[in-house]
Amino acid sequence: MLIFSRNYKIAFAMLFTFLLFISPVNPSYAESSEDVSSKLVVTEIGSATPKFETLAVKKWGPYAVRTRNINEFDGASVYTNSGVSSFEITDVQMVGVHAGEKANFTLSITDFTTGNLMWSKTFTEDVTGRSWNVSNVVPGRTYQVVITSNTNNDMDGGFWLTVDGYAYQ
């Protein structure tokens, strides 16, 4: 009986080693939701009431932006609560202050954790009252929403953030 159990152990060890070599290289475990390579989905929305996953939604702001020189910027950070995968940038307004000067700026979203630019849109005209829904965000993560001047034209404006979470400047 002692010889059989030793051979039995050797046979199972060989079988296990064989199965290990022929098994697929890719692991079968579920991937983490921390995949930062996913792309944000940013869609412009009208003035309709937003549809969110939960009921703890709050509108934060206004976050004022006043730029006078090229590459000046200002913005706010937005944090999504656990399980929340979207937020809104609402009532964006940027206008040239002086007659004949139009706004020229870039609205961008950066992942605060990685520093990666996730989305940006450039405007060469005054913008008043436009809004965007930002979805496919990583729950429990902080994003920065920034307006950067692309001109030396004096511009004033700002935006609000609507999220199940919080926002701060």
N, C-alpha and C. Protein backbone atom coordinates (compact mmCIF):
# COMPACT_ATOMS: atom_id res chain seq x y z
N MET A 1 0.82 -1.18 0.00
CA MET A 1 0.00 0.00 0.00
C MET A 1 0.87 1.25 0.00
N LEU A 2 2.00 1.23 0.69
CA LEU A 2 2.91 2.35 0.76
C LEU A 2 3.47 2.69 -0.62
N ILE A 3 3.79 1.68 -1.43
CA ILE A 3 4.32 1.92 -2.78
C ILE A 3 3.24 2.53 -3.65
N PHE A 4 1.99 2.06 -3.52
CA PHE A 4 0.90 2.59 -4.33
C PHE A 4 0.65 4.07 -4.03
N SER A 5 0.67 4.43 -2.78
CA SER A 5 0.40 5.83 -2.44
C SER A 5 1.52 6.73 -2.95
N ARG A 6 2.78 6.24 -2.92
CA ARG A 6 3.89 7.04 -3.45
C ARG A 6 3.75 7.21 -4.96
N ASN A 7 3.44 6.14 -5.67
CA ASN A 7 3.24 6.22 -7.11
C ASN A 7 2.02 7.08 -7.44
N TYR A 8 1.03 6.98 -6.61
CA TYR A 8 -0.19 7.78 -6.78
C TYR A 8 0.16 9.27 -6.71
N LYS A 9 0.99 9.62 -5.74
CA LYS A 9 1.40 11.01 -5.59
C LYS A 9 2.23 11.48 -6.77
N ILE A 10 3.11 10.63 -7.25
CA ILE A 10 3.95 10.98 -8.39
C ILE A 10 3.09 11.15 -9.65
N ALA A 11 2.13 10.26 -9.82
CA ALA A 11 1.24 10.34 -10.99
C ALA A 11 0.44 11.64 -10.97
N PHE A 12 -0.10 12.00 -9.83
CA PHE A 12 -0.86 13.25 -9.75
C PHE A 12 0.03 14.48 -9.93
N ALA A 13 1.25 14.44 -9.43
CA ALA A 13 2.18 15.55 -9.63
C ALA A 13 2.50 15.71 -11.11
N MET A 14 2.71 14.59 -11.81
CA MET A 14 2.99 14.65 -13.25
C MET A 14 1.77 15.16 -14.02
N LEU A 15 0.59 14.69 -13.64
CA LEU A 15 -0.64 15.15 -14.30
C LEU A 15 -0.84 16.65 -14.09
N PHE A 16 -0.62 17.10 -12.87
CA PHE A 16 -0.74 18.53 -12.58
C PHE A 16 0.25 19.36 -13.39
N THR A 17 1.50 18.90 -13.47
CA THR A 17 2.53 19.59 -14.26
C THR A 17 2.14 19.62 -15.73
N PHE A 18 1.62 18.52 -16.25
CA PHE A 18 1.19 18.45 -17.64
C PHE A 18 0.05 19.44 -17.90
N LEU A 19 -0.94 19.46 -17.02
CA LEU A 19 -2.07 20.38 -17.18
C LEU A 19 -1.62 21.83 -17.08
N LEU A 20 -0.65 22.11 -16.25
CA LEU A 20 -0.13 23.45 -16.11
C LEU A 20 0.49 23.95 -17.41
N PHE A 21 1.20 23.06 -18.11
CA PHE A 21 1.85 23.45 -19.36
C PHE A 21 0.87 23.61 -20.52
N ILE A 22 -0.22 22.84 -20.53
CA ILE A 22 -1.15 22.95 -21.66
C ILE A 22 -2.30 23.91 -21.39
N SER A 23 -2.39 24.44 -20.18
CA SER A 23 -3.47 25.38 -19.88
C SER A 23 -3.21 26.70 -20.59
N PRO A 24 -4.26 27.48 -20.88
CA PRO A 24 -4.07 28.76 -21.56
C PRO A 24 -3.22 29.71 -20.72
N VAL A 25 -2.53 30.58 -21.42
CA VAL A 25 -1.63 31.51 -20.75
C VAL A 25 -2.41 32.60 -20.03
N ASN A 26 -3.56 32.99 -20.56
CA ASN A 26 -4.36 34.06 -19.96
C ASN A 26 -5.02 33.58 -18.69
N PRO A 27 -4.97 34.37 -17.62
CA PRO A 27 -5.63 33.96 -16.39
C PRO A 27 -7.15 34.04 -16.55
N SER A 28 -7.86 33.26 -15.76
CA SER A 28 -9.31 33.22 -15.89
C SER A 28 -10.02 34.06 -14.84
N TYR A 29 -9.28 34.79 -14.02
CA TYR A 29 -9.91 35.59 -12.99
C TYR A 29 -10.51 36.87 -13.60
N ALA A 30 -11.47 37.47 -12.92
CA ALA A 30 -12.11 38.69 -13.41
C ALA A 30 -11.16 39.86 -13.24
N GLU A 31 -11.17 40.75 -14.21
CA GLU A 31 -10.30 41.91 -14.13
C GLU A 31 -10.87 42.95 -13.16
N SER A 32 -10.00 43.74 -12.61
CA SER A 32 -10.38 44.77 -11.65
C SER A 32 -11.08 45.92 -12.35
N SER A 33 -11.92 46.64 -11.63
CA SER A 33 -12.57 47.83 -12.18
C SER A 33 -11.61 49.01 -12.21
N GLU A 34 -10.38 48.82 -11.79
CA GLU A 34 -9.38 49.89 -11.78
C GLU A 34 -8.69 50.04 -13.13
N ASP A 35 -9.27 49.52 -14.20
CA ASP A 35 -8.68 49.63 -15.53
C ASP A 35 -8.76 51.07 -15.98
N VAL A 36 -7.61 51.75 -15.97
CA VAL A 36 -7.60 53.17 -16.31
C VAL A 36 -7.42 53.40 -17.80
N SER A 37 -7.32 52.32 -18.58
CA SER A 37 -7.17 52.50 -20.02
C SER A 37 -8.52 52.69 -20.70
N SER A 38 -9.62 52.55 -19.96
CA SER A 38 -10.92 52.72 -20.57
C SER A 38 -11.14 54.17 -20.95
N LYS A 39 -11.86 54.37 -22.00
CA LYS A 39 -12.13 55.72 -22.51
C LYS A 39 -13.39 56.28 -21.87
N LEU A 40 -13.34 57.56 -21.53
CA LEU A 40 -14.53 58.22 -21.05
C LEU A 40 -15.49 58.39 -22.21
N VAL A 41 -16.77 58.37 -21.91
CA VAL A 41 -17.79 58.64 -22.90
C VAL A 41 -18.40 59.99 -22.52
N VAL A 42 -18.18 61.00 -23.35
CA VAL A 42 -18.63 62.35 -23.06
C VAL A 42 -19.63 62.75 -24.14
N THR A 43 -20.88 63.00 -23.72
CA THR A 43 -21.92 63.38 -24.67
C THR A 43 -22.57 64.68 -24.22
N GLU A 44 -22.80 65.55 -25.19
CA GLU A 44 -23.45 66.81 -24.86
C GLU A 44 -24.92 66.54 -24.57
N ILE A 45 -25.45 67.23 -23.56
CA ILE A 45 -26.83 67.03 -23.16
C ILE A 45 -27.58 68.34 -23.22
N GLY A 46 -28.90 68.25 -23.30
CA GLY A 46 -29.74 69.43 -23.26
C GLY A 46 -30.02 69.82 -21.83
N SER A 47 -31.03 70.59 -21.62
CA SER A 47 -31.34 71.07 -20.28
C SER A 47 -32.28 70.13 -19.53
N ALA A 48 -32.50 68.92 -20.05
CA ALA A 48 -33.40 67.96 -19.39
C ALA A 48 -32.81 67.51 -18.05
N THR A 49 -33.66 67.03 -17.18
CA THR A 49 -33.22 66.54 -15.88
C THR A 49 -32.29 65.36 -16.05
N PRO A 50 -31.12 65.37 -15.39
CA PRO A 50 -30.16 64.27 -15.57
C PRO A 50 -30.67 62.97 -14.98
N LYS A 51 -30.23 61.85 -15.55
CA LYS A 51 -30.57 60.52 -15.06
C LYS A 51 -29.32 59.92 -14.44
N PHE A 52 -29.33 59.71 -13.12
CA PHE A 52 -28.18 59.18 -12.42
C PHE A 52 -28.50 57.83 -11.82
N GLU A 53 -27.45 57.10 -11.43
CA GLU A 53 -27.63 55.76 -10.87
C GLU A 53 -28.23 55.78 -9.47
N THR A 54 -27.94 56.80 -8.70
CA THR A 54 -28.39 56.82 -7.31
C THR A 54 -29.08 58.15 -7.01
N LEU A 55 -29.50 58.33 -5.78
CA LEU A 55 -30.26 59.52 -5.42
C LEU A 55 -29.46 60.57 -4.68
N ALA A 56 -28.20 60.34 -4.41
CA ALA A 56 -27.39 61.28 -3.64
C ALA A 56 -26.68 62.29 -4.54
N VAL A 57 -27.40 62.78 -5.54
CA VAL A 57 -26.80 63.69 -6.52
C VAL A 57 -26.88 65.12 -6.01
N LYS A 58 -25.78 65.86 -6.21
CA LYS A 58 -25.74 67.26 -5.81
C LYS A 58 -25.06 68.06 -6.90
N LYS A 59 -25.53 69.29 -7.09
CA LYS A 59 -24.91 70.21 -8.04
C LYS A 59 -23.94 71.09 -7.26
N TRP A 60 -22.65 71.06 -7.65
CA TRP A 60 -21.59 71.78 -6.97
C TRP A 60 -21.13 72.95 -7.83
N GLY A 61 -20.86 74.08 -7.20
CA GLY A 61 -20.34 75.23 -7.94
C GLY A 61 -21.07 76.48 -7.54
N PRO A 62 -20.97 77.52 -8.32
CA PRO A 62 -20.27 77.61 -9.59
C PRO A 62 -18.76 77.73 -9.38
N TYR A 63 -18.03 77.20 -10.36
CA TYR A 63 -16.58 77.31 -10.36
C TYR A 63 -16.20 78.36 -11.40
N ALA A 64 -15.78 79.51 -10.91
CA ALA A 64 -15.47 80.64 -11.79
C ALA A 64 -14.12 80.46 -12.46
N VAL A 65 -14.05 80.89 -13.71
CA VAL A 65 -12.81 80.85 -14.48
C VAL A 65 -12.62 82.24 -15.09
N ARG A 66 -11.50 82.85 -14.81
CA ARG A 66 -11.17 84.17 -15.36
C ARG A 66 -9.74 84.11 -15.87
N THR A 67 -9.58 84.10 -17.19
CA THR A 67 -8.25 84.03 -17.78
C THR A 67 -7.94 85.32 -18.52
N ARG A 68 -6.69 85.71 -18.48
CA ARG A 68 -6.25 86.95 -19.14
C ARG A 68 -5.10 86.70 -20.11
N ASN A 69 -4.40 85.57 -19.97
CA ASN A 69 -3.24 85.27 -20.80
C ASN A 69 -3.33 83.84 -21.33
N ILE A 70 -2.60 83.61 -22.42
CA ILE A 70 -2.56 82.27 -23.01
C ILE A 70 -2.01 81.27 -21.99
N ASN A 71 -2.57 80.09 -21.98
CA ASN A 71 -2.21 78.97 -21.09
C ASN A 71 -2.60 79.16 -19.63
N GLU A 72 -3.28 80.24 -19.28
CA GLU A 72 -3.84 80.33 -17.93
C GLU A 72 -5.00 79.34 -17.85
N PHE A 73 -5.21 78.79 -16.65
CA PHE A 73 -6.26 77.80 -16.50
C PHE A 73 -6.85 77.86 -15.11
N ASP A 74 -8.03 77.28 -14.99
CA ASP A 74 -8.68 77.11 -13.70
C ASP A 74 -9.69 75.99 -13.85
N GLY A 75 -10.12 75.44 -12.75
CA GLY A 75 -11.07 74.35 -12.82
C GLY A 75 -11.44 73.85 -11.45
N ALA A 76 -11.89 72.60 -11.41
CA ALA A 76 -12.33 71.98 -10.16
C ALA A 76 -12.10 70.48 -10.25
N SER A 77 -12.08 69.84 -9.10
CA SER A 77 -11.95 68.39 -9.02
C SER A 77 -13.30 67.79 -8.66
N VAL A 78 -13.59 66.64 -9.22
CA VAL A 78 -14.85 65.95 -8.95
C VAL A 78 -14.53 64.52 -8.55
N TYR A 79 -15.17 64.05 -7.46
CA TYR A 79 -14.97 62.71 -6.94
C TYR A 79 -16.28 61.95 -7.05
N THR A 80 -16.23 60.75 -7.65
CA THR A 80 -17.43 59.93 -7.76
C THR A 80 -17.46 58.92 -6.62
N ASN A 81 -18.60 58.79 -5.97
CA ASN A 81 -18.75 57.82 -4.89
C ASN A 81 -18.60 56.40 -5.43
N SER A 82 -18.42 55.45 -4.52
CA SER A 82 -18.30 54.04 -4.88
C SER A 82 -19.55 53.61 -5.66
N GLY A 83 -19.36 52.94 -6.77
CA GLY A 83 -20.47 52.46 -7.58
C GLY A 83 -21.00 53.47 -8.57
N VAL A 84 -20.48 54.68 -8.57
CA VAL A 84 -20.95 55.73 -9.47
C VAL A 84 -20.01 55.83 -10.66
N SER A 85 -20.57 55.79 -11.87
CA SER A 85 -19.72 55.77 -13.06
C SER A 85 -19.98 56.95 -13.99
N SER A 86 -20.60 58.02 -13.47
CA SER A 86 -20.84 59.19 -14.33
C SER A 86 -20.97 60.46 -13.49
N PHE A 87 -20.74 61.59 -14.15
CA PHE A 87 -21.00 62.91 -13.59
C PHE A 87 -21.31 63.85 -14.74
N GLU A 88 -21.73 65.07 -14.42
CA GLU A 88 -22.04 66.04 -15.46
C GLU A 88 -21.29 67.34 -15.24
N ILE A 89 -20.87 67.92 -16.35
CA ILE A 89 -20.33 69.28 -16.37
C ILE A 89 -21.47 70.12 -16.95
N THR A 90 -22.01 71.04 -16.15
CA THR A 90 -23.22 71.74 -16.59
C THR A 90 -23.02 73.25 -16.64
N ASP A 91 -23.85 73.85 -17.47
CA ASP A 91 -23.92 75.31 -17.60
C ASP A 91 -22.55 75.94 -17.84
N VAL A 92 -21.77 75.36 -18.75
CA VAL A 92 -20.45 75.92 -19.08
C VAL A 92 -20.65 77.24 -19.81
N GLN A 93 -19.91 78.25 -19.34
CA GLN A 93 -19.96 79.56 -19.98
C GLN A 93 -18.55 80.13 -20.00
N MET A 94 -18.10 80.53 -21.18
CA MET A 94 -16.83 81.25 -21.34
C MET A 94 -17.04 82.26 -22.46
N VAL A 95 -16.86 83.52 -22.15
CA VAL A 95 -17.08 84.58 -23.14
C VAL A 95 -15.91 85.55 -23.12
N GLY A 96 -15.63 86.13 -24.30
CA GLY A 96 -14.64 87.18 -24.39
C GLY A 96 -15.16 88.44 -23.71
N VAL A 97 -14.33 89.12 -22.94
CA VAL A 97 -14.76 90.28 -22.16
C VAL A 97 -14.90 91.53 -23.04
N HIS A 98 -13.96 91.76 -23.94
CA HIS A 98 -13.93 92.99 -24.72
C HIS A 98 -14.65 92.80 -26.06
N ALA A 99 -15.18 93.89 -26.58
CA ALA A 99 -15.88 93.85 -27.87
C ALA A 99 -14.94 93.32 -28.94
N GLY A 100 -15.44 92.39 -29.74
CA GLY A 100 -14.65 91.82 -30.83
C GLY A 100 -13.73 90.68 -30.42
N GLU A 101 -13.60 90.42 -29.15
CA GLU A 101 -12.76 89.31 -28.68
C GLU A 101 -13.64 88.12 -28.31
N LYS A 102 -13.42 87.01 -28.96
CA LYS A 102 -14.19 85.80 -28.68
C LYS A 102 -13.39 84.89 -27.74
N ALA A 103 -14.11 84.03 -27.07
CA ALA A 103 -13.45 83.04 -26.23
C ALA A 103 -12.72 82.04 -27.11
N ASN A 104 -11.60 81.57 -26.63
CA ASN A 104 -10.83 80.52 -27.30
C ASN A 104 -10.17 79.71 -26.18
N PHE A 105 -10.73 78.54 -25.90
CA PHE A 105 -10.29 77.77 -24.74
C PHE A 105 -10.45 76.27 -24.98
N THR A 106 -9.85 75.49 -24.09
CA THR A 106 -9.99 74.04 -24.13
C THR A 106 -10.57 73.58 -22.80
N LEU A 107 -11.63 72.79 -22.87
CA LEU A 107 -12.23 72.14 -21.71
C LEU A 107 -11.67 70.72 -21.67
N SER A 108 -11.08 70.32 -20.53
CA SER A 108 -10.46 69.00 -20.47
C SER A 108 -10.79 68.29 -19.16
N ILE A 109 -10.68 66.96 -19.22
CA ILE A 109 -10.88 66.11 -18.04
C ILE A 109 -9.63 65.26 -17.89
N THR A 110 -9.03 65.31 -16.69
CA THR A 110 -7.82 64.55 -16.39
C THR A 110 -8.08 63.62 -15.22
N ASP A 111 -7.57 62.40 -15.29
CA ASP A 111 -7.64 61.47 -14.18
C ASP A 111 -6.62 61.91 -13.14
N PHE A 112 -7.08 62.30 -11.95
CA PHE A 112 -6.18 62.81 -10.92
C PHE A 112 -5.20 61.75 -10.44
N THR A 113 -5.62 60.49 -10.40
CA THR A 113 -4.78 59.41 -9.90
C THR A 113 -3.60 59.14 -10.83
N THR A 114 -3.87 59.10 -12.14
CA THR A 114 -2.81 58.74 -13.10
C THR A 114 -2.19 59.95 -13.78
N GLY A 115 -2.90 61.08 -13.78
CA GLY A 115 -2.43 62.26 -14.49
C GLY A 115 -2.71 62.21 -15.98
N ASN A 116 -3.40 61.18 -16.45
CA ASN A 116 -3.70 61.03 -17.87
C ASN A 116 -4.83 61.95 -18.30
N LEU A 117 -4.64 62.58 -19.45
CA LEU A 117 -5.70 63.37 -20.07
C LEU A 117 -6.72 62.39 -20.62
N MET A 118 -7.97 62.48 -20.17
CA MET A 118 -9.00 61.53 -20.55
C MET A 118 -9.89 62.05 -21.68
N TRP A 119 -10.06 63.37 -21.77
CA TRP A 119 -10.93 63.96 -22.79
C TRP A 119 -10.65 65.45 -22.87
N SER A 120 -10.75 66.02 -24.07
CA SER A 120 -10.64 67.47 -24.20
C SER A 120 -11.42 67.92 -25.43
N LYS A 121 -11.87 69.16 -25.39
CA LYS A 121 -12.60 69.76 -26.50
C LYS A 121 -12.20 71.24 -26.54
N THR A 122 -11.85 71.72 -27.74
CA THR A 122 -11.43 73.10 -27.93
C THR A 122 -12.57 73.90 -28.54
N PHE A 123 -12.76 75.12 -28.03
CA PHE A 123 -13.80 76.03 -28.51
C PHE A 123 -13.13 77.32 -28.99
N THR A 124 -13.58 77.84 -30.11
CA THR A 124 -13.03 79.09 -30.66
C THR A 124 -14.09 80.18 -30.70
N GLU A 125 -15.20 79.96 -30.06
CA GLU A 125 -16.31 80.92 -29.99
C GLU A 125 -16.76 81.04 -28.53
N ASP A 126 -17.51 82.08 -28.23
CA ASP A 126 -18.13 82.18 -26.91
C ASP A 126 -19.06 80.99 -26.70
N VAL A 127 -19.08 80.49 -25.48
CA VAL A 127 -19.93 79.35 -25.12
C VAL A 127 -20.80 79.78 -23.95
N THR A 128 -22.10 79.56 -24.06
CA THR A 128 -23.01 79.88 -22.96
C THR A 128 -24.01 78.75 -22.76
N GLY A 129 -24.02 78.21 -21.55
CA GLY A 129 -25.04 77.25 -21.14
C GLY A 129 -24.95 75.86 -21.75
N ARG A 130 -23.79 75.39 -22.11
CA ARG A 130 -23.66 74.03 -22.64
C ARG A 130 -23.30 73.06 -21.53
N SER A 131 -23.73 71.79 -21.70
CA SER A 131 -23.52 70.77 -20.66
C SER A 131 -23.13 69.45 -21.29
N TRP A 132 -22.38 68.64 -20.50
CA TRP A 132 -21.93 67.33 -20.97
C TRP A 132 -22.12 66.30 -19.88
N ASN A 133 -22.55 65.10 -20.28
CA ASN A 133 -22.60 63.95 -19.40
C ASN A 133 -21.30 63.17 -19.61
N VAL A 134 -20.61 62.86 -18.53
CA VAL A 134 -19.36 62.12 -18.58
C VAL A 134 -19.61 60.76 -17.94
N SER A 135 -19.52 59.71 -18.75
CA SER A 135 -19.77 58.36 -18.22
C SER A 135 -18.57 57.47 -18.48
N ASN A 136 -18.63 56.27 -17.95
CA ASN A 136 -17.56 55.28 -18.02
C ASN A 136 -16.36 55.71 -17.16
N VAL A 137 -16.62 56.47 -16.10
CA VAL A 137 -15.55 56.84 -15.18
C VAL A 137 -15.36 55.71 -14.17
N VAL A 138 -14.20 55.65 -13.58
CA VAL A 138 -13.91 54.64 -12.57
C VAL A 138 -14.56 55.10 -11.26
N PRO A 139 -15.45 54.30 -10.67
CA PRO A 139 -16.08 54.68 -9.39
C PRO A 139 -15.04 54.91 -8.31
N GLY A 140 -15.29 55.92 -7.46
CA GLY A 140 -14.38 56.20 -6.36
C GLY A 140 -13.09 56.85 -6.79
N ARG A 141 -13.10 57.55 -7.89
CA ARG A 141 -11.89 58.17 -8.42
C ARG A 141 -12.12 59.67 -8.56
N THR A 142 -11.04 60.45 -8.50
CA THR A 142 -11.11 61.90 -8.65
C THR A 142 -10.67 62.28 -10.06
N TYR A 143 -11.44 63.17 -10.67
CA TYR A 143 -11.13 63.72 -11.99
C TYR A 143 -11.04 65.23 -11.88
N GLN A 144 -10.17 65.83 -12.69
CA GLN A 144 -10.05 67.28 -12.73
C GLN A 144 -10.70 67.79 -14.01
N VAL A 145 -11.57 68.78 -13.87
CA VAL A 145 -12.20 69.45 -15.00
C VAL A 145 -11.56 70.83 -15.09
N VAL A 146 -10.90 71.11 -16.21
CA VAL A 146 -10.10 72.32 -16.33
C VAL A 146 -10.44 73.06 -17.62
N ILE A 147 -10.49 74.40 -17.52
CA ILE A 147 -10.61 75.27 -18.69
C ILE A 147 -9.28 75.99 -18.84
N THR A 148 -8.67 75.86 -20.03
CA THR A 148 -7.37 76.47 -20.32
C THR A 148 -7.52 77.45 -21.47
N SER A 149 -6.99 78.66 -21.31
CA SER A 149 -7.06 79.69 -22.34
C SER A 149 -6.08 79.37 -23.48
N ASN A 150 -6.56 79.54 -24.71
CA ASN A 150 -5.71 79.35 -25.88
C ASN A 150 -5.35 80.68 -26.54
N THR A 151 -5.62 81.80 -25.85
CA THR A 151 -5.41 83.12 -26.42
C THR A 151 -5.09 84.13 -25.32
N ASN A 152 -4.66 85.30 -25.71
CA ASN A 152 -4.47 86.39 -24.74
C ASN A 152 -5.73 87.23 -24.57
N ASN A 153 -6.82 86.83 -25.22
CA ASN A 153 -8.09 87.54 -25.01
C ASN A 153 -8.54 87.37 -23.56
N ASP A 154 -9.05 88.46 -22.98
CA ASP A 154 -9.61 88.36 -21.63
C ASP A 154 -10.93 87.59 -21.71
N MET A 155 -11.05 86.54 -20.88
CA MET A 155 -12.27 85.72 -20.88
C MET A 155 -12.76 85.53 -19.45
N ASP A 156 -14.07 85.48 -19.30
CA ASP A 156 -14.70 85.19 -18.03
C ASP A 156 -15.73 84.09 -18.23
N GLY A 157 -15.96 83.31 -17.18
CA GLY A 157 -16.98 82.27 -17.26
C GLY A 157 -16.88 81.31 -16.10
N GLY A 158 -17.31 80.09 -16.35
CA GLY A 158 -17.28 79.06 -15.33
C GLY A 158 -18.19 77.90 -15.66
N PHE A 159 -18.44 77.04 -14.66
CA PHE A 159 -19.25 75.85 -14.86
C PHE A 159 -19.71 75.30 -13.51
N TRP A 160 -20.60 74.33 -13.55
CA TRP A 160 -21.08 73.58 -12.39
C TRP A 160 -20.74 72.11 -12.60
N LEU A 161 -20.66 71.35 -11.52
CA LEU A 161 -20.47 69.91 -11.58
C LEU A 161 -21.62 69.24 -10.84
N THR A 162 -22.26 68.26 -11.47
CA THR A 162 -23.36 67.53 -10.86
C THR A 162 -22.91 66.09 -10.72
N VAL A 163 -22.91 65.56 -9.47
CA VAL A 163 -22.34 64.24 -9.24
C VAL A 163 -22.92 63.61 -7.98
N ASP A 164 -22.98 62.29 -7.97
CA ASP A 164 -23.19 61.54 -6.73
C ASP A 164 -21.79 61.34 -6.17
N GLY A 165 -21.39 62.27 -5.34
CA GLY A 165 -20.04 62.36 -4.81
C GLY A 165 -19.84 63.78 -4.33
N TYR A 166 -18.68 64.36 -4.61
CA TYR A 166 -18.47 65.76 -4.25
C TYR A 166 -17.50 66.40 -5.21
N ALA A 167 -17.47 67.72 -5.19
CA ALA A 167 -16.56 68.49 -6.05
C ALA A 167 -15.98 69.63 -5.22
N TYR A 168 -14.80 70.07 -5.60
CA TYR A 168 -14.13 71.14 -4.85
C TYR A 168 -13.14 71.84 -5.77
N GLN A 169 -12.79 73.08 -5.38
CA GLN A 169 -11.85 73.85 -6.18
C GLN A 169 -10.59 74.11 -5.41
